[in-house]
């Protein structure tokens, strides 16, 4: 009996032992399944950065904030160590930055890194840098060493002005007018009311004389159409450097004047502080680029197979000859065909538009008296409005000619405009002569360099002259308020302008104000404009 009882106890214990092992096995499988799921749910498993056994071997090798991982960082920000390497510091300058939620790219010698117990992944884990962040570096055995990261954003390093941040891929330099460099742009309103915007972009240099200046102008092409700073949506934009304009205001004021007339389209503009790969490169005028588009020069865009009469043409009368150009037969005016561009322009289209221009010129010059049928070929109101702005601003470069645009839509007349390029040789207070009304060079004179436009002949037509006086009277009240506009713009860009002239110099130029301070130059511009306005009014009203 005792033996049978003992055998039963042993059997029961054996069964319980098997049951216990089975339960343990189930628990193990359940735990490992949960662990596998946890690892699978993470972006990547946490693995040791580098096996380190001794605390004294723990160290930070690099710390950096990079734009590719931080949407609101506009250039690489590098942390530097103090003498014993336990505190690393960096400063974000030239714009007001958002310090919370920043992801640091780091190189360390440690088994792992934590911040307040949270595992850190280089360039992936966000931390709040509105206060010091403590990086804890751990050895393989669990010992650790703390390093303090301090990030500042000095308020005296930025103006609060809207920032256009341009970040090229791999920080590639923009040193060509032909080669586009890809990257990303951010329009950060800072302390203004404009909307924040970001897009992939390409950028290249632009301009003729202006490209030779230390402060470079640029053309920018976005991936999608954007309404930057309240301007109409488009992909193509220009950044005017105004490097030779002490006031920084000449283009802005000239385009504002143009928008007071009935010219169909004049570029809209906004001032921005430009950062190129994190470096402040100055105050720029973000400007609508001259393009054929319904929101800009609204003419028929060329498509393959179109006849010459079906195409809209955009022309630039300019001394710098480009790929598709011709010279007029009588005045030898150099004309660049901007649209259709070189990929679409046919020889028949080039012949058509050059013949059309020569026909206009022939009606103006072939006889002693102007053939008034020229009015059937040009839109005289646009020619008058363009002329008024050129005279008000004293744009002498237009007599070379330089940056004188015209366009012709399919089935339409030749129109003057849009306005372009007013940063040099303007607003000088001339009260002695017109730029075009009575000006015309003798092409047979020795050493002549300018090719004057058709205005002396146009003004010999009494109808054209009378219409010019009518339109002057229509606009002059609004022209009289430009002094107030200059004061308003001066107040708006003061901080940005001061910072601009802290990094750039202007020792010579054609505006006559290069030796003045910025404030003095602006006041001189306002006075000169008033002088010119009064002189023009006296002359035109005496017609």
Foldseek 3Di string as FASTA:
>chain_A
DVVVVVVVVVVVVVVVVVVVVVVVVVVVVVVVVVVVVVQVPDPHDDFFLAAAADQVQKAWDWKWFACVLPVFQQAIWTWDAPPVRQETETEAFAADTQQFFTAMATDIHAGFKDWPRHTHDGSPGTGRQVDKTWIWGAHPVGDTDIHIYHYYYDPVRYDQAWEKGWEFVVLDDQLAQPDWTKGKIWTGRRNDDFDIDIFIKIKHFDDDVQCVDPQTKMKMFTPFWDCGRNRDTDGIKIWARLQQFLQLCFVVLLLVLLVLAVDPAGKDWDWHQYHRNSRTRAITIIIDDADDDCSHVPAAADDAPDALLQAKWKKWQAPDEDDAWAAADPLRTIIHTPPPDPVHDDPRNSVVVSVLVNVLVCQLPVDPARNVCSVVAEPLRQVLSQQVSCQLFVVLCCQLPHGWMWMAHRVGHIGTDDDDDGSARTLQQDLPDGSAQCDQDDPPDPPDRTRGDRNVSQCSPVVSLVVSLVSCVVRLVVLVCSLVVLVVVCVVCVVRSVVRCVVHAHDDGHRPCRPPHNVVSSVSSSVSSVSSSVSVVVVSVVD
